PDB file of N, CA and C in Angstrom:
ATOM      1  N   MET A   1       0.824  -1.165  -0.003  1.00  0.00           N
ATOM      2  CA  MET A   1       0.002  -0.006   0.007  1.00  0.00           C
ATOM      3  C   MET A   1       0.889   1.248   0.006  1.00  0.00           C
ATOM      4  N   ARG A   2       0.522   2.163  -0.837  1.00  0.00           N
ATOM      5  CA  ARG A   2       1.298   3.410  -0.922  1.00  0.00           C
ATOM      6  C   ARG A   2       0.639   4.457  -0.045  1.00  0.00           C
ATOM      7  N   ILE A   3       1.422   5.193   0.664  1.00  0.00           N
ATOM      8  CA  ILE A   3       0.923   6.252   1.524  1.00  0.00           C
ATOM      9  C   ILE A   3       1.106   7.606   0.819  1.00  0.00           C
ATOM     10  N   ARG A   4       0.031   8.344   0.730  1.00  0.00           N
ATOM     11  CA  ARG A   4       0.081   9.643   0.055  1.00  0.00           C
ATOM     12  C   ARG A   4       0.672  10.665   1.012  1.00  0.00           C
ATOM     13  N   LYS A   5       1.609  11.451   0.529  1.00  0.00           N
ATOM     14  CA  LYS A   5       2.264  12.432   1.399  1.00  0.00           C
ATOM     15  C   LYS A   5       1.364  13.587   1.746  1.00  0.00           C
ATOM     16  N   ASN A   6       0.460  13.959   0.865  1.00  0.00           N
ATOM     17  CA  ASN A   6      -0.379  15.133   1.093  1.00  0.00           C
ATOM     18  C   ASN A   6      -1.767  14.769   1.593  1.00  0.00           C
ATOM     19  N   ALA A   7      -1.979  13.591   2.089  1.00  0.00           N
ATOM     20  CA  ALA A   7      -3.283  13.183   2.589  1.00  0.00           C
ATOM     21  C   ALA A   7      -3.611  13.896   3.900  1.00  0.00           C
ATOM     22  N   GLU A   8      -4.853  14.300   4.034  1.00  0.00           N
ATOM     23  CA  GLU A   8      -5.321  14.950   5.270  1.00  0.00           C
ATOM     24  C   GLU A   8      -5.653  13.896   6.290  1.00  0.00           C
ATOM     25  N   PRO A   9      -5.220  14.090   7.533  1.00  0.00           N
ATOM     26  CA  PRO A   9      -5.616  13.142   8.576  1.00  0.00           C
ATOM     27  C   PRO A   9      -7.119  13.254   8.830  1.00  0.00           C
ATOM     28  N   PRO A  10      -7.725  12.176   9.347  1.00  0.00           N
ATOM     29  CA  PRO A  10      -9.149  12.240   9.634  1.00  0.00           C
ATOM     30  C   PRO A  10      -9.480  13.322  10.654  1.00  0.00           C
ATOM     31  N   ALA A  11     -10.619  13.934  10.491  1.00  0.00           N
ATOM     32  CA  ALA A  11     -11.069  14.983  11.406  1.00  0.00           C
ATOM     33  C   ALA A  11     -11.396  14.360  12.756  1.00  0.00           C
ATOM     34  N   ARG A  12     -11.419  15.173  13.774  1.00  0.00           N
ATOM     35  CA  ARG A  12     -11.702  14.688  15.138  1.00  0.00           C
ATOM     36  C   ARG A  12     -13.066  13.993  15.203  1.00  0.00           C
ATOM     37  N   GLU A  13     -14.064  14.549  14.493  1.00  0.00           N
ATOM     38  CA  GLU A  13     -15.398  13.924  14.483  1.00  0.00           C
ATOM     39  C   GLU A  13     -15.345  12.547  13.848  1.00  0.00           C
ATOM     40  N   GLU A  14     -14.587  12.405  12.750  1.00  0.00           N
ATOM     41  CA  GLU A  14     -14.468  11.070  12.100  1.00  0.00           C
ATOM     42  C   GLU A  14     -13.779  10.098  13.027  1.00  0.00           C
ATOM     43  N   ILE A  15     -12.762  10.538  13.729  1.00  0.00           N
ATOM     44  CA  ILE A  15     -12.055   9.655  14.660  1.00  0.00           C
ATOM     45  C   ILE A  15     -13.011   9.189  15.759  1.00  0.00           C
ATOM     46  N   SER A  16     -13.829  10.088  16.265  1.00  0.00           N
ATOM     47  CA  SER A  16     -14.806   9.767  17.296  1.00  0.00           C
ATOM     48  C   SER A  16     -15.834   8.744  16.798  1.00  0.00           C
ATOM     49  N   ILE A  17     -16.307   8.943  15.583  1.00  0.00           N
ATOM     50  CA  ILE A  17     -17.306   8.025  14.996  1.00  0.00           C
ATOM     51  C   ILE A  17     -16.677   6.638  14.803  1.00  0.00           C
ATOM     52  N   ILE A  18     -15.476   6.589  14.292  1.00  0.00           N
ATOM     53  CA  ILE A  18     -14.797   5.298  14.082  1.00  0.00           C
ATOM     54  C   ILE A  18     -14.629   4.579  15.413  1.00  0.00           C
ATOM     55  N   ALA A  19     -14.163   5.305  16.431  1.00  0.00           N
ATOM     56  CA  ALA A  19     -13.945   4.669  17.714  1.00  0.00           C
ATOM     57  C   ALA A  19     -15.244   4.162  18.346  1.00  0.00           C
ATOM     58  N   ARG A  20     -16.273   4.998  18.331  1.00  0.00           N
ATOM     59  CA  ARG A  20     -17.556   4.627  18.959  1.00  0.00           C
ATOM     60  C   ARG A  20     -18.211   3.458  18.241  1.00  0.00           C
ATOM     61  N   CYS A  21     -18.304   3.530  16.926  1.00  0.00           N
ATOM     62  CA  CYS A  21     -18.979   2.465  16.158  1.00  0.00           C
ATOM     63  C   CYS A  21     -18.165   1.184  16.139  1.00  0.00           C
ATOM     64  N   SER A  22     -16.860   1.285  16.006  1.00  0.00           N
ATOM     65  CA  SER A  22     -16.030   0.098  16.031  1.00  0.00           C
ATOM     66  C   SER A  22     -16.113  -0.593  17.386  1.00  0.00           C
ATOM     67  N   ASP A  23     -16.130   0.163  18.436  1.00  0.00           N
ATOM     68  CA  ASP A  23     -16.238  -0.415  19.768  1.00  0.00           C
ATOM     69  C   ASP A  23     -17.591  -1.133  19.927  1.00  0.00           C
ATOM     70  N   SER A  24     -18.657  -0.546  19.394  1.00  0.00           N
ATOM     71  CA  SER A  24     -19.958  -1.194  19.561  1.00  0.00           C
ATOM     72  C   SER A  24     -20.073  -2.468  18.700  1.00  0.00           C
ATOM     73  N   LEU A  25     -19.276  -2.576  17.646  1.00  0.00           N
ATOM     74  CA  LEU A  25     -19.311  -3.758  16.807  1.00  0.00           C
ATOM     75  C   LEU A  25     -18.163  -4.725  17.139  1.00  0.00           C
ATOM     76  N   ALA A  26     -17.476  -4.477  18.213  1.00  0.00           N
ATOM     77  CA  ALA A  26     -16.311  -5.315  18.539  1.00  0.00           C
ATOM     78  C   ALA A  26     -16.647  -6.646  19.157  1.00  0.00           C
ATOM     79  N   HIS A  27     -17.920  -6.877  19.436  1.00  0.00           N
ATOM     80  CA  HIS A  27     -18.324  -8.151  20.017  1.00  0.00           C
ATOM     81  C   HIS A  27     -19.163  -8.904  18.997  1.00  0.00           C
ATOM     82  N   PRO A  28     -18.889 -10.210  18.818  1.00  0.00           N
ATOM     83  CA  PRO A  28     -19.645 -10.997  17.811  1.00  0.00           C
ATOM     84  C   PRO A  28     -21.151 -10.986  18.000  1.00  0.00           C
ATOM     85  N   VAL A  29     -21.610 -10.977  19.216  1.00  0.00           N
ATOM     86  CA  VAL A  29     -23.061 -10.945  19.455  1.00  0.00           C
ATOM     87  C   VAL A  29     -23.674  -9.678  18.932  1.00  0.00           C
ATOM     88  N   ARG A  30     -22.975  -8.551  19.123  1.00  0.00           N
ATOM     89  CA  ARG A  30     -23.486  -7.280  18.641  1.00  0.00           C
ATOM     90  C   ARG A  30     -23.492  -7.227  17.125  1.00  0.00           C
ATOM     91  N   VAL A  31     -22.505  -7.795  16.497  1.00  0.00           N
ATOM     92  CA  VAL A  31     -22.484  -7.868  15.029  1.00  0.00           C
ATOM     93  C   VAL A  31     -23.649  -8.675  14.539  1.00  0.00           C
ATOM     94  N   GLU A  32     -23.891  -9.794  15.233  1.00  0.00           N
ATOM     95  CA  GLU A  32     -25.022 -10.675  14.881  1.00  0.00           C
ATOM     96  C   GLU A  32     -26.361  -9.932  15.012  1.00  0.00           C
ATOM     97  N   LEU A  33     -26.557  -9.253  16.140  1.00  0.00           N
ATOM     98  CA  LEU A  33     -27.790  -8.490  16.361  1.00  0.00           C
ATOM     99  C   LEU A  33     -27.940  -7.376  15.334  1.00  0.00           C
ATOM    100  N   PHE A  34     -26.862  -6.627  15.115  1.00  0.00           N
ATOM    101  CA  PHE A  34     -26.905  -5.528  14.187  1.00  0.00           C
ATOM    102  C   PHE A  34     -27.256  -5.990  12.776  1.00  0.00           C
ATOM    103  N   SER A  35     -26.629  -7.067  12.327  1.00  0.00           N
ATOM    104  CA  SER A  35     -26.884  -7.533  10.970  1.00  0.00           C
ATOM    105  C   SER A  35     -28.287  -8.074  10.827  1.00  0.00           C
ATOM    106  N   PHE A  36     -28.815  -8.683  11.852  1.00  0.00           N
ATOM    107  CA  PHE A  36     -30.206  -9.155  11.832  1.00  0.00           C
ATOM    108  C   PHE A  36     -31.165  -7.988  11.711  1.00  0.00           C
ATOM    109  N   ILE A  37     -30.972  -6.972  12.540  1.00  0.00           N
ATOM    110  CA  ILE A  37     -31.855  -5.807  12.495  1.00  0.00           C
ATOM    111  C   ILE A  37     -31.732  -5.124  11.126  1.00  0.00           C
ATOM    112  N   TYR A  38     -30.535  -5.036  10.601  1.00  0.00           N
ATOM    113  CA  TYR A  38     -30.336  -4.401   9.291  1.00  0.00           C
ATOM    114  C   TYR A  38     -31.104  -5.157   8.205  1.00  0.00           C
ATOM    115  N   ARG A  39     -30.947  -6.473   8.182  1.00  0.00           N
ATOM    116  CA  ARG A  39     -31.644  -7.313   7.166  1.00  0.00           C
ATOM    117  C   ARG A  39     -33.155  -7.155   7.301  1.00  0.00           C
ATOM    118  N   GLU A  40     -33.668  -7.217   8.501  1.00  0.00           N
ATOM    119  CA  GLU A  40     -35.105  -7.092   8.720  1.00  0.00           C
ATOM    120  C   GLU A  40     -35.604  -5.720   8.285  1.00  0.00           C
ATOM    121  N   ASN A  41     -34.876  -4.665   8.616  1.00  0.00           N
ATOM    122  CA  ASN A  41     -35.253  -3.328   8.245  1.00  0.00           C
ATOM    123  C   ASN A  41     -35.244  -3.160   6.709  1.00  0.00           C
ATOM    124  N   LEU A  42     -34.323  -3.795   6.039  1.00  0.00           N
ATOM    125  CA  LEU A  42     -34.293  -3.749   4.563  1.00  0.00           C
ATOM    126  C   LEU A  42     -35.578  -4.342   3.974  1.00  0.00           C
ATOM    127  N   GLU A  43     -36.108  -5.336   4.637  1.00  0.00           N
ATOM    128  CA  GLU A  43     -37.358  -5.956   4.185  1.00  0.00           C
ATOM    129  C   GLU A  43     -38.600  -5.241   4.756  1.00  0.00           C
ATOM    130  N   ARG A  44     -38.357  -4.075   5.352  1.00  0.00           N
ATOM    131  CA  ARG A  44     -39.409  -3.232   5.936  1.00  0.00           C
ATOM    132  C   ARG A  44     -40.156  -3.911   7.073  1.00  0.00           C
ATOM    133  N   ARG A  45     -39.424  -4.761   7.800  1.00  0.00           N
ATOM    134  CA  ARG A  45     -39.982  -5.409   8.988  1.00  0.00           C
ATOM    135  C   ARG A  45     -39.363  -4.769  10.236  1.00  0.00           C
ATOM    136  N   THR A  46     -40.183  -4.569  11.236  1.00  0.00           N
ATOM    137  CA  THR A  46     -39.647  -4.035  12.489  1.00  0.00           C
ATOM    138  C   THR A  46     -39.140  -5.163  13.337  1.00  0.00           C
ATOM    139  N   VAL A  47     -38.221  -4.837  14.195  1.00  0.00           N
ATOM    140  CA  VAL A  47     -37.623  -5.773  15.150  1.00  0.00           C
ATOM    141  C   VAL A  47     -37.834  -5.232  16.525  1.00  0.00           C
ATOM    142  N   CYS A  48     -38.449  -6.036  17.383  1.00  0.00           N
ATOM    143  CA  CYS A  48     -38.640  -5.586  18.742  1.00  0.00           C
ATOM    144  C   CYS A  48     -37.774  -6.445  19.684  1.00  0.00           C
ATOM    145  N   ASN A  49     -37.681  -5.991  20.932  1.00  0.00           N
ATOM    146  CA  ASN A  49     -36.881  -6.688  21.906  1.00  0.00           C
ATOM    147  C   ASN A  49     -37.323  -8.147  22.080  1.00  0.00           C
ATOM    148  N   LYS A  50     -38.622  -8.391  21.996  1.00  0.00           N
ATOM    149  CA  LYS A  50     -39.170  -9.745  22.154  1.00  0.00           C
ATOM    150  C   LYS A  50     -38.668 -10.638  21.016  1.00  0.00           C
ATOM    151  N   ASP A  51     -38.588 -10.097  19.790  1.00  0.00           N
ATOM    152  CA  ASP A  51     -38.068 -10.888  18.634  1.00  0.00           C
ATOM    153  C   ASP A  51     -36.660 -11.337  18.890  1.00  0.00           C
ATOM    154  N   LEU A  52     -35.823 -10.435  19.406  1.00  0.00           N
ATOM    155  CA  LEU A  52     -34.412 -10.765  19.619  1.00  0.00           C
ATOM    156  C   LEU A  52     -34.259 -11.835  20.692  1.00  0.00           C
ATOM    157  N   VAL A  53     -35.057 -11.734  21.754  1.00  0.00           N
ATOM    158  CA  VAL A  53     -34.977 -12.762  22.812  1.00  0.00           C
ATOM    159  C   VAL A  53     -35.440 -14.107  22.316  1.00  0.00           C
ATOM    160  N   GLU A  54     -36.455 -14.120  21.458  1.00  0.00           N
ATOM    161  CA  GLU A  54     -36.966 -15.393  20.956  1.00  0.00           C
ATOM    162  C   GLU A  54     -36.067 -16.032  19.896  1.00  0.00           C
ATOM    163  N   LEU A  55     -35.385 -15.185  19.099  1.00  0.00           N
ATOM    164  CA  LEU A  55     -34.609 -15.705  17.955  1.00  0.00           C
ATOM    165  C   LEU A  55     -33.154 -16.031  18.299  1.00  0.00           C
ATOM    166  N   PHE A  56     -32.627 -15.398  19.329  1.00  0.00           N
ATOM    167  CA  PHE A  56     -31.217 -15.606  19.647  1.00  0.00           C
ATOM    168  C   PHE A  56     -31.069 -16.393  20.928  1.00  0.00           C
ATOM    169  N   PRO A  57     -30.030 -17.216  21.009  1.00  0.00           N
ATOM    170  CA  PRO A  57     -29.855 -18.083  22.183  1.00  0.00           C
ATOM    171  C   PRO A  57     -29.171 -17.383  23.364  1.00  0.00           C
ATOM    172  N   TYR A  58     -29.597 -16.149  23.626  1.00  0.00           N
ATOM    173  CA  TYR A  58     -29.026 -15.372  24.715  1.00  0.00           C
ATOM    174  C   TYR A  58     -30.120 -14.915  25.665  1.00  0.00           C
ATOM    175  N   SER A  59     -29.774 -14.677  26.895  1.00  0.00           N
ATOM    176  CA  SER A  59     -30.761 -14.231  27.851  1.00  0.00           C
ATOM    177  C   SER A  59     -31.199 -12.807  27.519  1.00  0.00           C
ATOM    178  N   GLN A  60     -32.331 -12.417  28.052  1.00  0.00           N
ATOM    179  CA  GLN A  60     -32.860 -11.068  27.825  1.00  0.00           C
ATOM    180  C   GLN A  60     -31.876 -10.030  28.314  1.00  0.00           C
ATOM    181  N   SER A  61     -31.262 -10.266  29.460  1.00  0.00           N
ATOM    182  CA  SER A  61     -30.315  -9.291  30.011  1.00  0.00           C
ATOM    183  C   SER A  61     -29.084  -9.137  29.121  1.00  0.00           C
ATOM    184  N   THR A  62     -28.626 -10.274  28.538  1.00  0.00           N
ATOM    185  CA  THR A  62     -27.449 -10.208  27.652  1.00  0.00           C
ATOM    186  C   THR A  62     -27.786  -9.423  26.400  1.00  0.00           C
ATOM    187  N   ILE A  63     -28.956  -9.682  25.825  1.00  0.00           N
ATOM    188  CA  ILE A  63     -29.376  -8.941  24.621  1.00  0.00           C
ATOM    189  C   ILE A  63     -29.514  -7.473  24.972  1.00  0.00           C
ATOM    190  N   SER A  64     -30.108  -7.166  26.107  1.00  0.00           N
ATOM    191  CA  SER A  64     -30.299  -5.786  26.543  1.00  0.00           C
ATOM    192  C   SER A  64     -28.964  -5.048  26.661  1.00  0.00           C
ATOM    193  N   GLN A  65     -27.982  -5.682  27.244  1.00  0.00           N
ATOM    194  CA  GLN A  65     -26.650  -5.064  27.368  1.00  0.00           C
ATOM    195  C   GLN A  65     -26.027  -4.777  26.022  1.00  0.00           C
ATOM    196  N   HIS A  66     -26.117  -5.739  25.116  1.00  0.00           N
ATOM    197  CA  HIS A  66     -25.551  -5.564  23.792  1.00  0.00           C
ATOM    198  C   HIS A  66     -26.304  -4.483  22.993  1.00  0.00           C
ATOM    199  N   MET A  67     -27.627  -4.475  23.151  1.00  0.00           N
ATOM    200  CA  MET A  67     -28.415  -3.454  22.418  1.00  0.00           C
ATOM    201  C   MET A  67     -28.088  -2.070  22.961  1.00  0.00           C
ATOM    202  N   ASN A  68     -27.827  -1.951  24.264  1.00  0.00           N
ATOM    203  CA  ASN A  68     -27.435  -0.659  24.817  1.00  0.00           C
ATOM    204  C   ASN A  68     -26.143  -0.143  24.193  1.00  0.00           C
ATOM    205  N   ALA A  69     -25.194  -1.047  23.939  1.00  0.00           N
ATOM    206  CA  ALA A  69     -23.961  -0.632  23.295  1.00  0.00           C
ATOM    207  C   ALA A  69     -24.236  -0.159  21.874  1.00  0.00           C
ATOM    208  N   LEU A  70     -25.080  -0.862  21.142  1.00  0.00           N
ATOM    209  CA  LEU A  70     -25.409  -0.449  19.767  1.00  0.00           C
ATOM    210  C   LEU A  70     -26.159   0.874  19.755  1.00  0.00           C
ATOM    211  N   LEU A  71     -27.048   1.040  20.723  1.00  0.00           N
ATOM    212  CA  LEU A  71     -27.822   2.303  20.821  1.00  0.00           C
ATOM    213  C   LEU A  71     -26.885   3.479  21.167  1.00  0.00           C
ATOM    214  N   SER A  72     -25.967   3.274  22.088  1.00  0.00           N
ATOM    215  CA  SER A  72     -25.083   4.384  22.509  1.00  0.00           C
ATOM    216  C   SER A  72     -24.152   4.821  21.398  1.00  0.00           C
ATOM    217  N   SER A  73     -23.833   3.905  20.469  1.00  0.00           N
ATOM    218  CA  SER A  73     -22.954   4.262  19.356  1.00  0.00           C
ATOM    219  C   SER A  73     -23.724   5.072  18.293  1.00  0.00           C
ATOM    220  N   GLY A  74     -25.046   4.977  18.304  1.00  0.00           N
ATOM    221  CA  GLY A  74     -25.842   5.657  17.296  1.00  0.00           C
ATOM    222  C   GLY A  74     -26.112   4.799  16.062  1.00  0.00           C
ATOM    223  N   LEU A  75     -25.536   3.612  15.997  1.00  0.00           N
ATOM    224  CA  LEU A  75     -25.789   2.746  14.845  1.00  0.00           C
ATOM    225  C   LEU A  75     -27.197   2.189  14.820  1.00  0.00           C
ATOM    226  N   VAL A  76     -27.805   2.094  16.008  1.00  0.00           N
ATOM    227  CA  VAL A  76     -29.186   1.617  16.135  1.00  0.00           C
ATOM    228  C   VAL A  76     -29.980   2.618  16.906  1.00  0.00           C
ATOM    229  N   GLU A  77     -31.229   2.809  16.506  1.00  0.00           N
ATOM    230  CA  GLU A  77     -32.138   3.714  17.218  1.00  0.00           C
ATOM    231  C   GLU A  77     -33.305   2.893  17.725  1.00  0.00           C
ATOM    232  N   ALA A  78     -33.924   3.350  18.822  1.00  0.00           N
ATOM    233  CA  ALA A  78     -35.058   2.658  19.409  1.00  0.00           C
ATOM    234  C   ALA A  78     -36.305   3.537  19.349  1.00  0.00           C
ATOM    235  N   GLN A  79     -37.415   2.887  19.180  1.00  0.00           N
ATOM    236  CA  GLN A  79     -38.717   3.562  19.265  1.00  0.00           C
ATOM    237  C   GLN A  79     -39.519   2.790  20.303  1.00  0.00           C
ATOM    238  N   TYR A  80     -40.014   3.495  21.296  1.00  0.00           N
ATOM    239  CA  TYR A  80     -40.668   2.854  22.413  1.00  0.00           C
ATOM    240  C   TYR A  80     -42.208   2.928  22.279  1.00  0.00           C
ATOM    241  N   GLU A  81     -42.853   1.791  22.453  1.00  0.00           N
ATOM    242  CA  GLU A  81     -44.312   1.717  22.450  1.00  0.00           C
ATOM    243  C   GLU A  81     -44.736   0.886  23.648  1.00  0.00           C
ATOM    244  N   GLY A  82     -44.988   1.546  24.760  1.00  0.00           N
ATOM    245  CA  GLY A  82     -45.323   0.852  25.981  1.00  0.00           C
ATOM    246  C   GLY A  82     -44.142   0.027  26.468  1.00  0.00           C
ATOM    247  N   THR A  83     -44.335  -1.282  26.630  1.00  0.00           N
ATOM    248  CA  THR A  83     -43.244  -2.156  27.056  1.00  0.00           C
ATOM    249  C   THR A  83     -42.421  -2.705  25.867  1.00  0.00           C
ATOM    250  N   ARG A  84     -42.865  -2.370  24.692  1.00  0.00           N
ATOM    251  CA  ARG A  84     -42.223  -2.870  23.461  1.00  0.00           C
ATOM    252  C   ARG A  84     -41.215  -1.826  22.971  1.00  0.00           C
ATOM    253  N   THR A  85     -40.027  -2.316  22.585  1.00  0.00           N
ATOM    254  CA  THR A  85     -39.007  -1.470  22.034  1.00  0.00           C
ATOM    255  C   THR A  85     -38.710  -1.972  20.636  1.00  0.00           C
ATOM    256  N   ASN A  86     -38.912  -1.105  19.627  1.00  0.00           N
ATOM    257  CA  ASN A  86     -38.601  -1.445  18.238  1.00  0.00           C
ATOM    258  C   ASN A  86     -37.242  -0.851  17.885  1.00  0.00           C
ATOM    259  N   TYR A  87     -36.429  -1.646  17.185  1.00  0.00           N
ATOM    260  CA  TYR A  87     -35.085  -1.212  16.831  1.00  0.00           C
ATOM    261  C   TYR A  87     -34.963  -0.992  15.341  1.00  0.00           C
ATOM    262  N   PHE A  88     -34.234   0.043  14.977  1.00  0.00           N
ATOM    263  CA  PHE A  88     -34.004   0.408  13.573  1.00  0.00           C
ATOM    264  C   PHE A  88     -32.523   0.764  13.400  1.00  0.00           C
ATOM    265  N   VAL A  89     -31.939   0.344  12.288  1.00  0.00           N
ATOM    266  CA  VAL A  89     -30.600   0.739  11.986  1.00  0.00           C
ATOM    267  C   VAL A  89     -30.624   2.230  11.568  1.00  0.00           C
ATOM    268  N   ASN A  90     -29.738   2.986  12.106  1.00  0.00           N
ATOM    269  CA  ASN A  90     -29.605   4.410  11.746  1.00  0.00           C
ATOM    270  C   ASN A  90     -28.687   4.472  10.550  1.00  0.00           C
ATOM    271  N   LEU A  91     -29.321   4.578   9.357  1.00  0.00           N
ATOM    272  CA  LEU A  91     -28.522   4.569   8.125  1.00  0.00           C
ATOM    273  C   LEU A  91     -27.622   5.799   8.001  1.00  0.00           C
ATOM    274  N   GLY A  92     -28.019   6.907   8.620  1.00  0.00           N
ATOM    275  CA  GLY A  92     -27.170   8.093   8.605  1.00  0.00           C
ATOM    276  C   GLY A  92     -25.858   7.853   9.333  1.00  0.00           C
ATOM    277  N   MET A  93     -25.954   7.256  10.533  1.00  0.00           N
ATOM    278  CA  MET A  93     -24.723   6.973  11.305  1.00  0.00           C
ATOM    279  C   MET A  93     -23.907   5.881  10.613  1.00  0.00           C
ATOM    280  N   LEU A  94     -24.574   4.882  10.038  1.00  0.00           N
ATOM    281  CA  LEU A  94     -23.850   3.819   9.334  1.00  0.00           C
ATOM    282  C   LEU A  94     -23.082   4.434   8.156  1.00  0.00           C
ATOM    283  N   GLY A  95     -23.687   5.343   7.443  1.00  0.00           N
ATOM    284  CA  GLY A  95     -23.030   6.024   6.334  1.00  0.00           C
ATOM    285  C   GLY A  95     -21.840   6.829   6.792  1.00  0.00           C
ATOM    286  N   LYS A  96     -21.972   7.563   7.916  1.00  0.00           N
ATOM    287  CA  LYS A  96     -20.863   8.342   8.449  1.00  0.00           C
ATOM    288  C   LYS A  96     -19.709   7.430   8.864  1.00  0.00           C
ATOM    289  N   TYR A  97     -20.053   6.280   9.415  1.00  0.00           N
ATOM    290  CA  TYR A  97     -19.046   5.317   9.863  1.00  0.00           C
ATOM    291  C   TYR A  97     -18.280   4.761   8.658  1.00  0.00           C
ATOM    292  N   VAL A  98     -18.988   4.363   7.639  1.00  0.00           N
ATOM    293  CA  VAL A  98     -18.362   3.801   6.425  1.00  0.00           C
ATOM    294  C   VAL A  98     -17.484   4.873   5.768  1.00  0.00           C
ATOM    295  N   ASN A  99     -17.977   6.099   5.691  1.00  0.00           N
ATOM    296  CA  ASN A  99     -17.201   7.179   5.068  1.00  0.00           C
ATOM    297  C   ASN A  99     -15.948   7.494   5.882  1.00  0.00           C
ATOM    298  N   ALA A 100     -16.085   7.467   7.196  1.00  0.00           N
ATOM    299  CA  ALA A 100     -14.924   7.755   8.059  1.00  0.00           C
ATOM    300  C   ALA A 100     -13.877   6.639   7.854  1.00  0.00           C
ATOM    301  N   ILE A 101     -14.294   5.412   7.781  1.00  0.00           N
ATOM    302  CA  ILE A 101     -13.363   4.284   7.519  1.00  0.00           C
ATOM    303  C   ILE A 101     -12.682   4.464   6.144  1.00  0.00           C
ATOM    304  N   ARG A 102     -13.478   4.870   5.170  1.00  0.00           N
ATOM    305  CA  ARG A 102     -12.917   5.109   3.826  1.00  0.00           C
ATOM    306  C   ARG A 102     -11.881   6.199   3.846  1.00  0.00           C
ATOM    307  N   SER A 103     -12.101   7.226   4.677  1.00  0.00           N
ATOM    308  CA  SER A 103     -11.154   8.320   4.751  1.00  0.00           C
ATOM    309  C   SER A 103      -9.797   7.853   5.295  1.00  0.00           C
ATOM    310  N   LEU A 104      -9.820   6.809   6.100  1.00  0.00           N
ATOM    311  CA  LEU A 104      -8.530   6.248   6.575  1.00  0.00           C
ATOM    312  C   LEU A 104      -7.743   5.613   5.438  1.00  0.00           C
ATOM    313  N   SER A 105      -8.468   5.031   4.498  1.00  0.00           N
ATOM    314  CA  SER A 105      -7.775   4.356   3.390  1.00  0.00           C
ATOM    315  C   SER A 105      -7.144   5.331   2.392  1.00  0.00           C
ATOM    316  N   SER A 106      -7.539   6.601   2.495  1.00  0.00           N
ATOM    317  CA  SER A 106      -6.970   7.568   1.571  1.00  0.00           C
ATOM    318  C   SER A 106      -5.741   8.255   2.169  1.00  0.00           C
ATOM    319  N   LEU A 107      -5.341   7.831   3.341  1.00  0.00           N
ATOM    320  CA  LEU A 107      -4.165   8.450   3.946  1.00  0.00           C
ATOM    321  C   LEU A 107      -2.879   8.042   3.249  1.00  0.00           C
TER     322      LEU A 107
END
């Protein structure tokens, strides 16, 4: 790989996005949950906390902890309806994350 001498380093905001999102995807269970929610959202299906508990072999508390990490990164958003929580992939944050990673490759 060739390194460009005049490449701009990533902006502070991009560095923060990369760190936050990469950290939230650093666990295999979170990648599994994120990709499931993404696929379901592409098919215009909502995913609620009950679906995740029923479909994945993890306890409700484990899923809740992992979903909190995805929510805090901004990659996933939640919509609350009583006791039901629906999850949606935040395509805006996903796009920022992908673009920030791409900016690293142009260094």
